[in-house]
Protein backbone atom coordinates (compact mmCIF):
# COMPACT_ATOMS: atom_id res chain seq x y z
CA MET A 1 -0.63 -40.45 -15.98
CA ASN A 2 3.09 -40.30 -16.63
CA ARG A 3 4.65 -43.25 -14.74
CA ASP A 4 8.00 -41.43 -14.61
CA LEU A 5 6.61 -38.86 -12.18
CA ASP A 6 8.11 -38.76 -8.70
CA THR A 7 5.10 -39.62 -6.54
CA GLN A 8 6.55 -37.93 -3.44
CA LYS A 9 7.09 -34.69 -5.35
CA LEU A 10 3.65 -35.00 -6.89
CA SER A 11 2.05 -35.44 -3.48
CA ALA A 12 4.00 -32.54 -2.00
CA PHE A 13 2.98 -30.28 -4.87
CA GLY A 14 -0.64 -31.36 -4.50
CA LYS A 15 -0.56 -30.25 -0.87
CA LYS A 16 1.04 -26.97 -1.91
CA ILE A 17 -1.68 -26.32 -4.49
CA GLY A 18 -4.34 -27.12 -1.90
CA GLY A 19 -2.70 -24.67 0.46
CA ILE A 20 -2.73 -21.97 -2.21
CA LEU A 21 -6.43 -22.57 -2.88
CA ASN A 22 -7.28 -22.43 0.83
CA GLY A 23 -5.08 -19.37 1.30
CA ALA A 24 -6.79 -17.51 -1.53
CA ALA A 25 -10.20 -18.32 -0.05
CA ALA A 26 -9.03 -17.24 3.40
CA ALA A 27 -7.79 -13.94 1.98
CA LEU A 28 -11.29 -13.19 0.69
CA MET A 29 -12.85 -14.04 4.04
CA ILE A 30 -10.27 -11.96 5.92
CA SER A 31 -11.11 -9.02 3.67
CA VAL A 32 -14.82 -9.49 4.43
CA GLY A 33 -14.14 -9.82 8.15
CA HIS A 34 -12.18 -6.60 8.13
CA LYS A 35 -14.83 -4.66 6.25
CA VAL A 36 -17.63 -5.70 8.63
CA ARG A 37 -15.34 -5.27 11.67
CA LEU A 38 -15.66 -8.88 12.85
CA PHE A 39 -12.01 -9.12 13.88
CA ASP A 40 -12.31 -5.97 15.98
CA VAL A 41 -15.50 -7.14 17.67
CA ILE A 42 -14.41 -10.70 18.47
CA SER A 43 -11.13 -9.35 19.81
CA GLU A 44 -13.04 -7.05 22.16
CA ILE A 45 -15.66 -9.49 23.50
CA GLY A 46 -13.48 -12.61 23.79
CA ALA A 47 -14.78 -16.19 23.65
CA CYS A 48 -18.27 -16.16 22.15
CA SER A 49 -20.88 -18.08 20.19
CA SER A 50 -21.73 -17.16 16.63
CA SER A 51 -25.00 -15.64 17.89
CA LYS A 52 -23.25 -13.45 20.43
CA LEU A 53 -20.68 -12.29 17.87
CA ALA A 54 -23.37 -11.51 15.31
CA GLU A 55 -25.37 -9.54 17.86
CA ALA A 56 -22.34 -7.59 19.05
CA ALA A 57 -21.33 -6.77 15.47
CA GLY A 58 -24.87 -6.00 14.32
CA LEU A 59 -24.69 -8.65 11.59
CA ASP A 60 -26.71 -11.61 10.31
CA GLU A 61 -25.91 -14.72 12.37
CA ARG A 62 -26.01 -17.17 9.46
CA TYR A 63 -23.33 -15.25 7.57
CA VAL A 64 -21.23 -14.81 10.70
CA ARG A 65 -21.43 -18.56 11.42
CA GLU A 66 -20.20 -19.45 7.93
CA TRP A 67 -17.43 -16.86 8.16
CA LEU A 68 -16.35 -18.37 11.47
CA GLY A 69 -16.22 -21.77 9.77
CA ALA A 70 -13.81 -20.41 7.19
CA MET A 71 -11.70 -18.64 9.80
CA THR A 72 -11.60 -21.69 12.06
CA THR A 73 -10.53 -24.12 9.32
CA ALA A 74 -7.92 -21.57 8.22
CA GLY A 75 -6.41 -21.62 11.71
CA ILE A 76 -7.16 -17.95 12.33
CA VAL A 77 -9.97 -18.29 14.87
CA SER A 78 -9.86 -21.01 17.56
CA TYR A 79 -12.94 -23.11 18.24
CA ASP A 80 -14.02 -24.98 21.38
CA ALA A 81 -16.28 -27.67 19.93
CA PHE A 82 -17.57 -28.77 23.37
CA ARG A 83 -18.85 -25.32 24.30
CA GLY A 84 -19.46 -24.00 20.79
CA LEU A 85 -17.30 -20.94 21.45
CA TYR A 86 -14.93 -19.05 19.17
CA VAL A 87 -11.95 -16.92 20.15
CA LEU A 88 -9.43 -14.82 18.24
CA PRO A 89 -6.02 -15.42 19.87
CA ALA A 90 -4.29 -12.23 21.02
CA GLU A 91 -1.34 -12.94 18.72
CA HIS A 92 -3.71 -13.10 15.74
CA ALA A 93 -5.58 -9.99 16.82
CA ALA A 94 -2.23 -8.18 16.84
CA MET A 95 -2.10 -8.65 13.07
CA LEU A 96 -5.75 -8.48 12.05
CA THR A 97 -7.52 -5.70 13.97
CA ARG A 98 -7.61 -1.96 13.46
CA SER A 99 -5.82 -1.46 16.77
CA ALA A 100 -2.79 -3.16 15.17
CA GLY A 101 -2.21 -0.01 13.08
CA PRO A 102 0.22 -0.55 10.18
CA ARG A 103 0.71 -4.20 11.22
CA ASN A 104 -2.94 -4.94 10.40
CA GLN A 105 -2.60 -7.47 7.59
CA SER A 106 -6.34 -7.62 6.93
CA LEU A 107 -5.96 -4.24 5.21
CA TYR A 108 -3.91 -5.83 2.45
CA MET A 109 -6.27 -8.77 1.93
CA GLN A 110 -8.65 -6.24 0.38
CA TYR A 111 -6.42 -6.11 -2.68
CA ILE A 112 -7.44 -9.67 -3.62
CA PRO A 113 -11.12 -8.95 -4.37
CA LEU A 114 -10.10 -5.58 -5.83
CA LEU A 115 -7.83 -7.26 -8.38
CA ALA A 116 -10.41 -9.95 -9.09
CA GLN A 117 -12.73 -7.24 -10.43
CA VAL A 118 -10.43 -6.71 -13.42
CA GLU A 119 -9.35 -10.31 -14.03
CA ASP A 120 -11.23 -10.68 -17.31
CA GLN A 121 -9.75 -7.43 -18.61
CA ILE A 122 -6.25 -8.53 -17.61
CA VAL A 123 -6.78 -11.80 -19.49
CA ASP A 124 -7.71 -9.82 -22.60
CA HIS A 125 -4.57 -7.69 -22.29
CA PHE A 126 -2.41 -10.81 -22.04
CA LYS A 127 -3.57 -11.42 -25.62
CA SER A 128 -3.65 -7.87 -26.98
CA GLY A 129 -1.13 -5.94 -24.86
CA GLY A 130 -1.88 -2.58 -23.30
CA GLY A 131 -3.39 -2.30 -19.86
CA VAL A 132 -6.29 -1.49 -17.56
CA PRO A 133 -6.68 2.23 -16.65
CA TYR A 134 -7.10 3.59 -13.12
CA SER A 135 -10.79 4.24 -13.70
CA GLU A 136 -11.55 0.50 -13.80
CA TYR A 137 -10.32 -0.07 -10.23
CA SER A 138 -13.45 1.18 -8.53
CA THR A 139 -12.27 0.89 -4.92
CA PHE A 140 -8.52 1.30 -5.36
CA HIS A 141 -8.20 4.76 -3.83
CA ALA A 142 -10.30 3.78 -0.81
CA VAL A 143 -8.32 0.59 -0.15
CA MET A 144 -4.98 2.33 -0.69
CA ALA A 145 -6.00 5.25 1.50
CA GLU A 146 -7.04 3.00 4.38
CA ALA A 147 -3.84 0.96 4.28
CA SER A 148 -1.68 4.07 3.96
CA ALA A 149 -3.50 5.92 6.73
CA ALA A 150 -2.67 3.19 9.23
CA ARG A 151 1.01 3.60 8.37
CA PHE A 152 1.03 7.41 8.24
CA ASP A 153 -0.90 7.89 11.48
CA SER A 154 1.46 5.62 13.36
CA LEU A 155 4.83 6.23 11.73
CA LEU A 156 5.04 9.30 9.50
CA VAL A 157 5.83 12.14 11.89
CA GLU A 158 7.74 10.26 14.59
CA THR A 159 9.60 7.61 12.57
CA ILE A 160 9.63 8.18 8.81
CA LEU A 161 10.32 11.91 8.49
CA PRO A 162 13.30 11.82 10.92
CA LEU A 163 15.10 9.60 8.39
CA VAL A 164 15.88 12.83 6.51
CA PRO A 165 18.69 14.81 8.15
CA ASN A 166 17.41 17.84 10.12
CA ILE A 167 14.07 17.80 8.31
CA VAL A 168 11.94 17.92 11.47
CA GLU A 169 13.70 21.09 12.61
CA HIS A 170 13.20 22.66 9.17
CA LEU A 171 9.53 21.68 9.16
CA ASP A 172 9.09 23.22 12.59
CA SER A 173 10.68 26.46 11.41
CA GLY A 174 8.72 26.58 8.16
CA ILE A 175 9.55 25.29 4.68
CA ASN A 176 7.74 24.56 1.40
CA VAL A 177 6.82 20.88 0.96
CA SER A 178 5.17 18.79 -1.75
CA ASP A 179 3.83 15.24 -1.87
CA VAL A 180 3.77 14.08 -5.50
CA GLY A 181 1.23 11.40 -6.37
CA CYS A 182 -0.50 12.20 -3.10
CA GLY A 183 -3.62 10.13 -3.80
CA SER A 184 -6.27 10.87 -1.18
CA GLY A 185 -3.87 13.23 0.54
CA HIS A 186 -3.75 11.77 4.03
CA ALA A 187 0.05 11.84 4.30
CA ILE A 188 0.33 15.51 3.45
CA ASN A 189 -2.61 16.39 5.69
CA VAL A 190 -0.89 14.59 8.57
CA MET A 191 2.29 16.59 7.91
CA ALA A 192 0.39 19.86 7.56
CA GLN A 193 -1.34 19.28 10.88
CA ALA A 194 1.93 18.41 12.63
CA PHE A 195 3.91 21.34 11.21
CA PRO A 196 1.70 24.45 11.00
CA ASN A 197 4.63 26.77 10.14
CA SER A 198 5.32 24.95 6.87
CA THR A 199 3.27 25.05 3.67
CA PHE A 200 2.25 21.88 1.82
CA THR A 201 1.15 21.07 -1.72
CA GLY A 202 -0.37 17.73 -2.70
CA ILE A 203 -0.20 16.79 -6.38
CA ASP A 204 -2.17 14.02 -8.11
CA PHE A 205 -3.80 13.51 -11.51
CA SER A 206 -6.98 11.94 -10.07
CA SER A 207 -9.75 14.46 -9.53
CA GLU A 208 -11.55 11.95 -7.31
CA ALA A 209 -8.53 11.54 -5.03
CA ILE A 210 -7.90 15.29 -4.89
CA GLY A 211 -11.53 15.80 -3.89
CA VAL A 212 -11.14 13.39 -0.97
CA ALA A 213 -7.89 15.12 0.06
CA ARG A 214 -9.47 18.57 0.06
CA GLU A 215 -12.45 17.35 2.06
CA GLU A 216 -10.18 15.92 4.77
CA ALA A 217 -8.13 19.14 4.87
CA MET A 218 -11.35 21.12 5.36
CA GLN A 219 -12.48 18.83 8.17
CA LEU A 220 -9.10 19.28 9.87
CA GLU A 221 -9.33 23.06 9.30
CA LEU A 222 -5.88 23.15 7.70
CA ALA A 223 -4.88 26.55 6.32
CA ASN A 224 -1.37 25.55 5.22
CA VAL A 225 -2.16 22.89 2.60
CA ASP A 226 -3.24 23.05 -1.03
CA PHE A 227 -3.99 20.37 -3.62
CA VAL A 228 -3.23 20.55 -7.34
CA GLU A 229 -4.67 18.26 -10.01
CA GLN A 230 -1.65 17.66 -12.23
CA ASP A 231 0.09 14.81 -14.05
CA ALA A 232 3.19 13.82 -12.10
CA ALA A 233 5.06 13.39 -15.40
CA ASN A 234 4.52 17.06 -16.23
CA LEU A 235 5.19 18.93 -13.01
CA GLN A 236 5.05 22.69 -13.47
CA PHE A 237 7.38 23.79 -10.66
CA ASP A 238 10.91 25.19 -10.86
CA GLN A 239 13.00 25.00 -7.66
CA VAL A 240 9.96 25.78 -5.53
CA PHE A 241 10.11 23.13 -2.82
CA ASP A 242 12.53 22.59 0.04
CA PHE A 243 11.37 19.02 0.54
CA VAL A 244 9.39 16.51 -1.58
CA THR A 245 7.86 13.16 -0.64
CA THR A 246 6.39 10.30 -2.66
CA PHE A 247 4.79 7.24 -1.10
CA ASP A 248 4.45 4.19 -3.38
CA ALA A 249 3.82 6.51 -6.30
CA VAL A 250 6.73 6.12 -8.74
CA HIS A 251 6.62 2.54 -10.01
CA ASP A 252 3.11 2.65 -11.52
CA GLN A 253 3.60 5.93 -13.38
CA ALA A 254 3.33 5.86 -17.15
CA GLN A 255 6.48 7.98 -17.41
CA PRO A 256 8.41 7.46 -14.14
CA GLN A 257 11.64 8.97 -15.46
CA LYS A 258 9.82 12.19 -16.41
CA MET A 259 8.23 12.22 -12.96
CA VAL A 260 11.60 11.88 -11.23
CA ALA A 261 13.12 14.56 -13.48
CA GLY A 262 10.21 16.85 -12.59
CA ILE A 263 10.72 16.26 -8.89
CA TYR A 264 14.41 17.08 -9.32
CA ALA A 265 13.54 20.32 -11.14
CA SER A 266 10.97 21.27 -8.49
CA LEU A 267 13.44 21.00 -5.62
CA LYS A 268 15.71 23.78 -4.47
CA SER A 269 19.44 23.00 -4.50
CA GLY A 270 20.33 20.94 -1.46
CA GLY A 271 16.73 19.84 -0.99
CA TYR A 272 15.72 16.27 -0.17
CA TRP A 273 13.28 13.94 -1.86
CA LEU A 274 12.06 11.10 0.38
CA CYS A 275 10.77 8.26 -1.82
CA ALA A 276 9.01 5.24 -0.31
CA ASP A 277 8.55 2.29 -2.63
CA LEU A 278 8.22 -1.48 -2.45
CA CYS A 279 11.24 -3.28 -1.05
CA ALA A 280 12.49 -5.73 -3.67
CA SER A 281 15.38 -6.53 -5.96
CA SER A 282 15.33 -5.72 -9.66
CA HIS A 283 16.51 -9.31 -10.27
CA LEU A 284 13.99 -12.15 -9.99
CA GLY A 285 16.62 -14.55 -8.68
CA GLU A 286 17.11 -12.33 -5.64
CA ASN A 287 13.36 -12.25 -4.92
CA LEU A 288 12.84 -16.01 -4.64
CA ASP A 289 12.67 -15.79 -0.84
CA HIS A 290 10.84 -12.46 -0.74
CA PRO A 291 8.21 -12.80 2.03
CA ILE A 292 5.46 -11.29 -0.15
CA GLY A 293 7.05 -11.82 -3.54
CA THR A 294 4.08 -13.62 -5.12
CA PHE A 295 1.73 -10.92 -3.86
CA GLY A 296 4.06 -8.21 -5.18
CA TYR A 297 4.30 -9.68 -8.68
CA THR A 298 0.53 -10.32 -8.75
CA VAL A 299 -0.36 -6.75 -7.76
CA SER A 300 2.19 -5.58 -10.30
CA CYS A 301 0.74 -7.67 -13.13
CA MET A 302 -2.88 -6.87 -12.34
CA HIS A 303 -2.52 -3.21 -11.34
CA CYS A 304 0.77 -1.31 -11.25
CA MET A 305 2.29 -2.53 -14.52
CA SER A 306 -1.07 -2.72 -16.27
CA VAL A 307 -2.09 0.82 -15.30
CA SER A 308 1.19 2.18 -16.64
CA LEU A 309 0.79 0.27 -19.91
CA ALA A 310 -2.78 1.56 -20.26
CA TYR A 311 -1.31 5.02 -20.77
CA ASP A 312 1.41 3.81 -23.16
CA GLY A 313 3.84 3.86 -20.26
CA GLU A 314 7.01 2.00 -19.36
CA GLY A 315 5.26 -0.61 -17.21
CA LEU A 316 7.94 -0.75 -14.51
CA GLY A 317 5.71 -2.68 -12.13
CA ALA A 318 5.72 -2.91 -8.35
CA MET A 319 8.74 -5.23 -8.26
CA TRP A 320 10.99 -2.86 -10.22
CA GLY A 321 13.49 -3.14 -7.36
CA ALA A 322 16.12 -1.10 -5.59
CA GLN A 323 18.73 -1.35 -8.35
CA LYS A 324 16.45 0.06 -11.05
CA ALA A 325 15.13 2.72 -8.68
CA GLN A 326 18.60 4.00 -7.84
CA GLU A 327 19.57 3.96 -11.52
CA ILE A 328 16.60 6.18 -12.41
CA PHE A 329 17.18 8.49 -9.46
CA THR A 330 20.89 9.02 -10.14
CA ASP A 331 20.30 9.47 -13.88
CA ALA A 332 17.97 12.36 -12.98
CA GLY A 333 20.79 14.00 -11.01
CA PHE A 334 19.96 12.92 -7.48
CA LYS A 335 22.50 11.66 -4.99
CA VAL A 336 20.96 8.65 -3.20
CA GLU A 337 22.41 9.10 0.27
CA GLU A 338 20.70 6.13 1.94
CA VAL A 339 18.20 3.35 1.36
CA ALA A 340 16.57 3.01 4.77
CA ARG A 341 14.08 0.61 6.34
CA VAL A 342 11.46 1.39 8.96
CA ASP A 343 10.24 -0.84 11.78
CA GLY A 344 6.51 -1.22 11.27
CA ASP A 345 6.70 -0.87 7.48
CA ALA A 346 8.34 -4.06 6.32
CA GLY A 347 7.15 -3.65 2.75
CA ASN A 348 8.97 -0.46 1.74
CA ASN A 349 12.41 0.95 1.11
CA TYR A 350 12.88 4.63 1.93
CA TYR A 351 15.23 6.34 -0.52
CA LEU A 352 16.88 9.54 0.76
CA CYS A 353 17.62 11.46 -2.42
CA ARG A 354 19.27 14.88 -2.42
CA ARG A 355 19.58 17.47 -5.15
CA PRO A 356 23.25 18.54 -4.93
CA LEU A 357 24.13 22.16 -4.14
């Protein structure tokens, strides 16, 4: 051991590393707890034994007991050792249960096991370059759709859309709208249901995602929405839409500048494009205190950047930042009128981009 090491710094870093290891393990257990609805159940029934929780959740007691051990030592679930009872504090439930809506952080813990599935492939690409294609992320669309749905159901119509000047009135009257990179289509189905006088087109290159979107539209009996399987970098529309949205769909494109140029071309003069994308700076030094900076760069390295590179793309990555985003948008001809934030969606910037008259 190097005798010149500062023992206090060494000890502090050892504790930090231990915290990272415990945090990573807790993330996996939070993801499991979300998937089997343990947070929802324990929040509903209150103080309980492992047997009572397992029975109420319809799960195996031995697994529930071990999960409770992880959650208790992580400081997420409280434990009364004298009575052998567990409780999820109300303040924790407000950030871990489905009733928390877009503030449910257990939704995002699911990305940890999702990314772990491709770790070996990512390691190979560190050596050879290139990237991992969408098809290798077996549950990505499902995880993304669930997290997005919580946000869209709670915020889209009442909070997010009103960021765009007069757009709610126009949607009520009837306009032509597109969501580019729509994924499983929940956002555009929510809009189509809320504004029956307008027509909506969802665009995505994933046939699997488009299939899910169409199925939901059928279940909702929506007659004013259509879905098109098309590469966002090669949009085939010329001044068709009055309004376009994208939600976390630009940064992982293989050709984001072509996508933005296509959106510009698809909009009528004076039309708005509302672009939601991760809130960050384009400069690492300005992200040192970012509340989820490590998570953002990790997701970027193991998904967003890698997916783009898999298709010989630019590899912008999730942490491309506001400066780079505005540069690309203005180069395409847009006027970026505002970069807004939304209460309840701390992770995103909302760019209000307008095609000049």
